[in-house]
Amino acid sequence: MDLHYYDTLIAVADDCPVDGAVVPALRGGKETVAVIQFEMISGAPGGLTQEDVLFETWLRRQESDVPSAFERAELRARFFSRSQACLRASPLPKKYGWGLLFDTAGRVTLCPMGSVEYQEIIAGEVLGITVLKAMRSKRA
């Protein structure tokens, strides 16, 4: 199963409740999916693919010991053996105002909705970038 985007911006959802990018906070002292994904992507801009983010998010939310490299590879294969939601369903572009910008190699960086880069891509001023909207939180 290929879960990659190339030269693509996942734009903020139409029903995103914020006017600018907001750093997600812990909820009840625990890391949320948004916190985990924000930390991963902002900590390694252009270093992770969508598959890396999805798998590592799932792995960090498991209440288990850190797996060995062999166990990690096995868990990753098992994780992707079934259908997974893509990052268009991530809370970052749905609720927190962060666009997800994928480069030609399928690696992701955060692109805040208020930034010049985001506005230029949305306006179609950057050639070669496909724009896809994040999924809405509520039905239209």
N, C-alpha and C. Protein backbone atom coordinates (compact mmCIF):
# COMPACT_ATOMS: atom_id res chain seq x y z
N MET A 1 0.85 -1.18 0.00
CA MET A 1 0.00 0.00 0.00
C MET A 1 0.89 1.24 0.00
N ASP A 2 0.70 2.11 -0.98
CA ASP A 2 1.53 3.30 -1.09
C ASP A 2 0.79 4.50 -0.51
N LEU A 3 1.33 5.03 0.56
CA LEU A 3 0.70 6.17 1.23
C LEU A 3 1.58 7.41 1.13
N HIS A 4 1.93 7.79 -0.06
CA HIS A 4 2.82 8.93 -0.21
C HIS A 4 2.18 10.04 -1.02
N TYR A 5 2.51 11.27 -0.65
CA TYR A 5 2.17 12.45 -1.44
C TYR A 5 3.49 13.03 -1.92
N TYR A 6 3.49 13.59 -3.12
CA TYR A 6 4.67 14.22 -3.68
C TYR A 6 4.28 15.59 -4.20
N ASP A 7 5.11 16.60 -3.90
CA ASP A 7 4.85 17.97 -4.37
C ASP A 7 3.39 18.36 -4.10
N THR A 8 2.98 18.18 -2.88
CA THR A 8 1.58 18.38 -2.50
C THR A 8 1.48 19.15 -1.18
N LEU A 9 0.50 20.04 -1.11
CA LEU A 9 0.16 20.70 0.15
C LEU A 9 -1.20 20.18 0.58
N ILE A 10 -1.25 19.62 1.80
CA ILE A 10 -2.55 19.31 2.41
C ILE A 10 -2.93 20.60 3.13
N ALA A 11 -3.88 21.30 2.54
CA ALA A 11 -4.29 22.61 3.06
C ALA A 11 -5.23 22.43 4.24
N VAL A 12 -5.34 23.47 5.01
CA VAL A 12 -6.19 23.49 6.20
C VAL A 12 -7.65 23.25 5.78
N ALA A 13 -8.36 22.48 6.57
CA ALA A 13 -9.76 22.15 6.29
C ALA A 13 -10.62 23.41 6.27
N ASP A 14 -11.66 23.36 5.46
CA ASP A 14 -12.58 24.50 5.35
C ASP A 14 -13.22 24.86 6.69
N ASP A 15 -13.42 23.88 7.55
CA ASP A 15 -14.08 24.15 8.84
C ASP A 15 -13.09 24.21 10.00
N CYS A 16 -11.81 24.49 9.70
CA CYS A 16 -10.80 24.61 10.76
C CYS A 16 -11.20 25.76 11.69
N PRO A 17 -11.20 25.52 13.01
CA PRO A 17 -11.71 26.52 13.94
C PRO A 17 -10.74 27.65 14.29
N VAL A 18 -9.52 27.65 13.78
CA VAL A 18 -8.54 28.70 14.12
C VAL A 18 -8.23 29.56 12.91
N ASP A 19 -7.76 30.79 13.17
CA ASP A 19 -7.43 31.73 12.09
C ASP A 19 -5.96 31.70 11.72
N GLY A 20 -5.15 31.05 12.55
CA GLY A 20 -3.72 30.94 12.30
C GLY A 20 -3.23 29.65 12.93
N ALA A 21 -2.01 29.27 12.58
CA ALA A 21 -1.45 28.02 13.10
C ALA A 21 -1.27 28.10 14.62
N VAL A 22 -1.70 27.04 15.32
CA VAL A 22 -1.64 26.95 16.77
C VAL A 22 -0.88 25.68 17.14
N VAL A 23 0.07 25.81 18.07
CA VAL A 23 0.81 24.64 18.54
C VAL A 23 -0.11 23.82 19.45
N PRO A 24 -0.31 22.54 19.13
CA PRO A 24 -1.20 21.71 19.96
C PRO A 24 -0.63 21.50 21.37
N ALA A 25 -1.54 21.41 22.34
CA ALA A 25 -1.13 21.24 23.73
C ALA A 25 -1.53 19.86 24.25
N LEU A 26 -0.86 19.45 25.31
CA LEU A 26 -1.22 18.19 25.98
C LEU A 26 -2.66 18.28 26.46
N ARG A 27 -3.34 17.16 26.50
CA ARG A 27 -4.69 17.12 27.03
C ARG A 27 -4.68 16.19 28.23
N GLY A 28 -5.00 16.74 29.39
CA GLY A 28 -4.99 15.93 30.61
C GLY A 28 -3.60 15.39 30.91
N GLY A 29 -2.57 16.15 30.52
CA GLY A 29 -1.19 15.73 30.78
C GLY A 29 -0.69 14.67 29.81
N LYS A 30 -1.51 14.30 28.82
CA LYS A 30 -1.12 13.25 27.87
C LYS A 30 -0.92 13.83 26.47
N GLU A 31 -0.04 13.16 25.72
CA GLU A 31 0.18 13.56 24.34
C GLU A 31 -1.00 13.13 23.48
N THR A 32 -1.50 14.04 22.68
CA THR A 32 -2.55 13.72 21.72
C THR A 32 -1.88 13.39 20.39
N VAL A 33 -2.67 12.90 19.45
CA VAL A 33 -2.16 12.64 18.11
C VAL A 33 -1.57 13.94 17.54
N ALA A 34 -2.26 15.06 17.74
CA ALA A 34 -1.78 16.35 17.23
C ALA A 34 -0.43 16.71 17.83
N VAL A 35 -0.26 16.53 19.12
CA VAL A 35 1.01 16.84 19.79
C VAL A 35 2.13 15.97 19.24
N ILE A 36 1.87 14.68 19.13
CA ILE A 36 2.88 13.74 18.63
C ILE A 36 3.29 14.10 17.20
N GLN A 37 2.31 14.32 16.34
CA GLN A 37 2.62 14.64 14.94
C GLN A 37 3.33 15.98 14.82
N PHE A 38 2.91 16.97 15.59
CA PHE A 38 3.57 18.27 15.55
C PHE A 38 5.03 18.14 15.97
N GLU A 39 5.27 17.44 17.07
CA GLU A 39 6.65 17.27 17.56
C GLU A 39 7.51 16.54 16.54
N MET A 40 6.97 15.48 15.94
CA MET A 40 7.74 14.70 14.96
C MET A 40 8.08 15.53 13.74
N ILE A 41 7.08 16.18 13.15
CA ILE A 41 7.31 16.91 11.89
C ILE A 41 8.14 18.17 12.13
N SER A 42 7.84 18.91 13.20
CA SER A 42 8.63 20.13 13.46
C SER A 42 10.04 19.79 13.90
N GLY A 43 10.22 18.62 14.51
CA GLY A 43 11.55 18.20 14.97
C GLY A 43 12.43 17.65 13.87
N ALA A 44 11.83 17.29 12.75
CA ALA A 44 12.60 16.75 11.62
C ALA A 44 11.98 17.23 10.31
N PRO A 45 11.97 18.58 10.08
CA PRO A 45 11.33 19.08 8.86
C PRO A 45 11.97 18.49 7.61
N GLY A 46 11.14 17.94 6.74
CA GLY A 46 11.64 17.33 5.52
C GLY A 46 12.36 16.02 5.74
N GLY A 47 12.19 15.42 6.91
CA GLY A 47 12.90 14.18 7.21
C GLY A 47 12.02 12.94 7.28
N LEU A 48 10.70 13.13 7.29
CA LEU A 48 9.78 12.00 7.45
C LEU A 48 8.78 11.94 6.31
N THR A 49 8.37 10.73 5.96
CA THR A 49 7.30 10.55 4.99
C THR A 49 5.97 10.42 5.73
N GLN A 50 4.88 10.44 4.98
CA GLN A 50 3.58 10.24 5.60
C GLN A 50 3.53 8.90 6.34
N GLU A 51 4.07 7.84 5.73
CA GLU A 51 4.08 6.53 6.39
C GLU A 51 4.84 6.58 7.71
N ASP A 52 5.98 7.27 7.74
CA ASP A 52 6.76 7.40 8.97
C ASP A 52 5.91 8.06 10.06
N VAL A 53 5.24 9.15 9.71
CA VAL A 53 4.44 9.90 10.69
C VAL A 53 3.28 9.05 11.20
N LEU A 54 2.58 8.37 10.29
CA LEU A 54 1.44 7.55 10.72
C LEU A 54 1.88 6.41 11.63
N PHE A 55 2.93 5.70 11.23
CA PHE A 55 3.38 4.56 12.04
C PHE A 55 3.93 5.02 13.38
N GLU A 56 4.80 6.02 13.39
CA GLU A 56 5.40 6.47 14.65
C GLU A 56 4.35 7.05 15.60
N THR A 57 3.33 7.70 15.05
CA THR A 57 2.24 8.21 15.89
C THR A 57 1.53 7.04 16.58
N TRP A 58 1.20 6.02 15.80
CA TRP A 58 0.55 4.84 16.36
C TRP A 58 1.44 4.18 17.41
N LEU A 59 2.73 4.01 17.08
CA LEU A 59 3.66 3.34 17.98
C LEU A 59 3.80 4.08 19.30
N ARG A 60 3.91 5.41 19.25
CA ARG A 60 4.07 6.20 20.48
C ARG A 60 2.82 6.16 21.37
N ARG A 61 1.68 5.87 20.77
CA ARG A 61 0.45 5.81 21.57
C ARG A 61 0.22 4.44 22.19
N GLN A 62 1.05 3.46 21.84
CA GLN A 62 0.92 2.13 22.43
C GLN A 62 1.56 2.13 23.82
N GLU A 63 0.97 1.42 24.72
CA GLU A 63 1.48 1.33 26.09
C GLU A 63 2.40 0.11 26.18
N SER A 64 3.54 0.17 25.50
CA SER A 64 4.43 -0.98 25.52
C SER A 64 5.89 -0.52 25.54
N ASP A 65 6.76 -1.48 25.73
CA ASP A 65 8.19 -1.21 25.74
C ASP A 65 8.65 -0.80 24.34
N VAL A 66 9.80 -0.14 24.29
CA VAL A 66 10.37 0.25 23.00
C VAL A 66 10.79 -1.02 22.26
N PRO A 67 10.27 -1.23 21.04
CA PRO A 67 10.58 -2.46 20.32
C PRO A 67 12.00 -2.43 19.74
N SER A 68 12.54 -3.62 19.53
CA SER A 68 13.84 -3.75 18.86
C SER A 68 13.64 -3.37 17.39
N ALA A 69 14.73 -3.23 16.66
CA ALA A 69 14.64 -2.89 15.23
C ALA A 69 13.85 -3.96 14.48
N PHE A 70 14.07 -5.23 14.82
CA PHE A 70 13.35 -6.31 14.17
C PHE A 70 11.85 -6.22 14.49
N GLU A 71 11.52 -6.03 15.77
CA GLU A 71 10.11 -5.93 16.18
C GLU A 71 9.45 -4.72 15.53
N ARG A 72 10.19 -3.62 15.45
CA ARG A 72 9.67 -2.39 14.84
C ARG A 72 9.30 -2.64 13.38
N ALA A 73 10.19 -3.32 12.64
CA ALA A 73 9.93 -3.62 11.23
C ALA A 73 8.71 -4.52 11.08
N GLU A 74 8.59 -5.49 11.98
CA GLU A 74 7.45 -6.40 11.96
C GLU A 74 6.15 -5.65 12.28
N LEU A 75 6.20 -4.79 13.30
CA LEU A 75 5.02 -4.00 13.66
C LEU A 75 4.61 -3.06 12.53
N ARG A 76 5.60 -2.46 11.87
CA ARG A 76 5.32 -1.54 10.77
C ARG A 76 4.64 -2.28 9.62
N ALA A 77 5.17 -3.46 9.27
CA ALA A 77 4.57 -4.26 8.20
C ALA A 77 3.14 -4.63 8.55
N ARG A 78 2.91 -5.02 9.79
CA ARG A 78 1.56 -5.39 10.24
C ARG A 78 0.64 -4.17 10.22
N PHE A 79 1.16 -3.02 10.67
CA PHE A 79 0.38 -1.78 10.71
C PHE A 79 -0.12 -1.41 9.31
N PHE A 80 0.76 -1.50 8.31
CA PHE A 80 0.38 -1.10 6.96
C PHE A 80 -0.26 -2.23 6.15
N SER A 81 -0.43 -3.40 6.77
CA SER A 81 -1.12 -4.49 6.07
C SER A 81 -2.62 -4.23 6.02
N ARG A 82 -3.08 -3.31 6.84
CA ARG A 82 -4.50 -2.93 6.79
C ARG A 82 -4.60 -1.45 6.40
N SER A 83 -5.73 -1.08 5.95
CA SER A 83 -5.99 0.27 5.46
C SER A 83 -5.77 1.32 6.57
N GLN A 84 -5.15 2.44 6.20
CA GLN A 84 -4.87 3.53 7.15
C GLN A 84 -5.39 4.85 6.59
N ALA A 85 -5.88 5.71 7.47
CA ALA A 85 -6.26 7.06 7.06
C ALA A 85 -5.00 7.84 6.73
N CYS A 86 -5.06 8.68 5.72
CA CYS A 86 -3.89 9.48 5.36
C CYS A 86 -3.83 10.74 6.23
N LEU A 87 -2.81 11.55 6.02
CA LEU A 87 -2.64 12.76 6.83
C LEU A 87 -3.66 13.85 6.50
N ARG A 88 -4.52 13.63 5.49
CA ARG A 88 -5.62 14.58 5.27
C ARG A 88 -6.58 14.52 6.46
N ALA A 89 -6.52 13.43 7.24
CA ALA A 89 -7.37 13.28 8.42
C ALA A 89 -6.63 13.69 9.70
N SER A 90 -5.41 14.18 9.58
CA SER A 90 -4.63 14.60 10.76
C SER A 90 -5.29 15.81 11.43
N PRO A 91 -5.21 15.86 12.76
CA PRO A 91 -5.76 17.03 13.44
C PRO A 91 -4.97 18.32 13.14
N LEU A 92 -3.74 18.22 12.67
CA LEU A 92 -2.95 19.44 12.41
C LEU A 92 -3.62 20.33 11.36
N PRO A 93 -3.98 19.81 10.17
CA PRO A 93 -4.68 20.69 9.22
C PRO A 93 -6.19 20.79 9.47
N LYS A 94 -6.75 19.88 10.26
CA LYS A 94 -8.18 19.92 10.53
C LYS A 94 -8.54 20.92 11.62
N LYS A 95 -7.71 21.00 12.67
CA LYS A 95 -8.09 21.80 13.84
C LYS A 95 -7.07 22.85 14.28
N TYR A 96 -5.82 22.70 13.86
CA TYR A 96 -4.76 23.55 14.40
C TYR A 96 -4.14 24.53 13.41
N GLY A 97 -4.60 24.54 12.15
CA GLY A 97 -4.14 25.54 11.19
C GLY A 97 -2.79 25.28 10.55
N TRP A 98 -2.35 24.03 10.53
CA TRP A 98 -1.07 23.70 9.91
C TRP A 98 -1.29 22.98 8.59
N GLY A 99 -0.74 23.54 7.51
CA GLY A 99 -0.71 22.84 6.25
C GLY A 99 0.43 21.83 6.32
N LEU A 100 0.33 20.76 5.55
CA LEU A 100 1.38 19.74 5.49
C LEU A 100 1.92 19.74 4.07
N LEU A 101 3.18 20.16 3.92
CA LEU A 101 3.79 20.33 2.61
C LEU A 101 4.76 19.18 2.33
N PHE A 102 4.47 18.44 1.26
CA PHE A 102 5.30 17.30 0.87
C PHE A 102 6.19 17.70 -0.30
N ASP A 103 7.46 17.32 -0.24
CA ASP A 103 8.41 17.64 -1.30
C ASP A 103 8.41 16.56 -2.38
N THR A 104 9.35 16.67 -3.33
CA THR A 104 9.42 15.72 -4.43
C THR A 104 9.75 14.31 -3.99
N ALA A 105 10.35 14.15 -2.79
CA ALA A 105 10.68 12.82 -2.27
C ALA A 105 9.61 12.30 -1.31
N GLY A 106 8.52 13.06 -1.13
CA GLY A 106 7.43 12.61 -0.26
C GLY A 106 7.67 12.89 1.22
N ARG A 107 8.63 13.77 1.52
CA ARG A 107 8.91 14.12 2.92
C ARG A 107 8.11 15.36 3.29
N VAL A 108 7.68 15.42 4.54
CA VAL A 108 6.73 16.44 4.97
C VAL A 108 7.36 17.51 5.86
N THR A 109 6.89 18.75 5.69
CA THR A 109 7.22 19.85 6.59
C THR A 109 5.91 20.55 6.94
N LEU A 110 5.92 21.26 8.05
CA LEU A 110 4.75 22.04 8.45
C LEU A 110 4.75 23.36 7.68
N CYS A 111 3.57 23.82 7.30
CA CYS A 111 3.43 25.07 6.57
C CYS A 111 2.26 25.83 7.21
N PRO A 112 2.56 26.78 8.11
CA PRO A 112 1.48 27.48 8.82
C PRO A 112 0.58 28.26 7.87
N MET A 113 -0.72 28.20 8.13
CA MET A 113 -1.69 28.81 7.22
C MET A 113 -1.52 30.30 7.03
N GLY A 114 -0.94 31.00 7.97
CA GLY A 114 -0.76 32.44 7.84
C GLY A 114 0.53 32.83 7.14
N SER A 115 1.36 31.86 6.79
CA SER A 115 2.66 32.18 6.20
C SER A 115 2.54 32.61 4.74
N VAL A 116 3.53 33.34 4.27
CA VAL A 116 3.58 33.77 2.87
C VAL A 116 3.61 32.54 1.96
N GLU A 117 4.44 31.55 2.31
CA GLU A 117 4.56 30.34 1.50
C GLU A 117 3.19 29.66 1.33
N TYR A 118 2.47 29.50 2.43
CA TYR A 118 1.14 28.86 2.38
C TYR A 118 0.21 29.65 1.47
N GLN A 119 0.17 30.97 1.66
CA GLN A 119 -0.74 31.81 0.86
C GLN A 119 -0.40 31.76 -0.62
N GLU A 120 0.89 31.74 -0.95
CA GLU A 120 1.30 31.67 -2.36
C GLU A 120 0.92 30.33 -2.98
N ILE A 121 1.09 29.24 -2.24
CA ILE A 121 0.73 27.92 -2.76
C ILE A 121 -0.78 27.84 -2.98
N ILE A 122 -1.56 28.28 -2.00
CA ILE A 122 -3.03 28.25 -2.09
C ILE A 122 -3.51 29.09 -3.28
N ALA A 123 -2.85 30.22 -3.51
CA ALA A 123 -3.24 31.12 -4.60
C ALA A 123 -2.80 30.60 -5.98
N GLY A 124 -2.05 29.48 -5.99
CA GLY A 124 -1.60 28.92 -7.26
C GLY A 124 -0.37 29.60 -7.82
N GLU A 125 0.33 30.38 -6.98
CA GLU A 125 1.51 31.10 -7.44
C GLU A 125 2.77 30.24 -7.45
N VAL A 126 2.70 29.06 -6.83
CA VAL A 126 3.84 28.14 -6.83
C VAL A 126 3.50 27.00 -7.76
N LEU A 127 4.20 26.93 -8.88
CA LEU A 127 3.91 25.91 -9.87
C LEU A 127 4.40 24.54 -9.41
N GLY A 128 3.67 23.51 -9.82
CA GLY A 128 4.09 22.14 -9.53
C GLY A 128 3.66 21.60 -8.19
N ILE A 129 2.89 22.37 -7.42
CA ILE A 129 2.41 21.91 -6.11
C ILE A 129 0.90 21.65 -6.22
N THR A 130 0.51 20.41 -5.94
CA THR A 130 -0.91 20.05 -5.91
C THR A 130 -1.46 20.44 -4.54
N VAL A 131 -2.64 21.03 -4.51
CA VAL A 131 -3.27 21.41 -3.25
C VAL A 131 -4.48 20.51 -3.00
N LEU A 132 -4.46 19.83 -1.85
CA LEU A 132 -5.59 19.01 -1.42
C LEU A 132 -6.05 19.54 -0.07
N LYS A 133 -7.33 19.65 0.12
CA LYS A 133 -7.85 20.11 1.41
C LYS A 133 -7.85 18.96 2.42
N ALA A 134 -7.59 19.31 3.67
CA ALA A 134 -7.75 18.34 4.75
C ALA A 134 -9.23 18.00 4.86
N MET A 135 -9.50 16.85 5.43
CA MET A 135 -10.90 16.45 5.59
C MET A 135 -11.58 17.35 6.63
N ARG A 136 -12.83 17.62 6.37
CA ARG A 136 -13.63 18.44 7.29
C ARG A 136 -13.90 17.65 8.57
N SER A 137 -14.07 18.37 9.66
CA SER A 137 -14.42 17.72 10.92
C SER A 137 -15.90 17.40 10.97
N LYS A 138 -16.71 18.24 10.31
CA LYS A 138 -18.16 18.05 10.32
C LYS A 138 -18.64 17.92 8.89
N ARG A 139 -19.78 17.27 8.73
CA ARG A 139 -20.37 17.16 7.39
C ARG A 139 -20.84 18.52 6.94
N ALA A 140 -20.76 18.75 5.65
CA ALA A 140 -21.19 20.04 5.08
C ALA A 140 -22.69 20.17 5.09
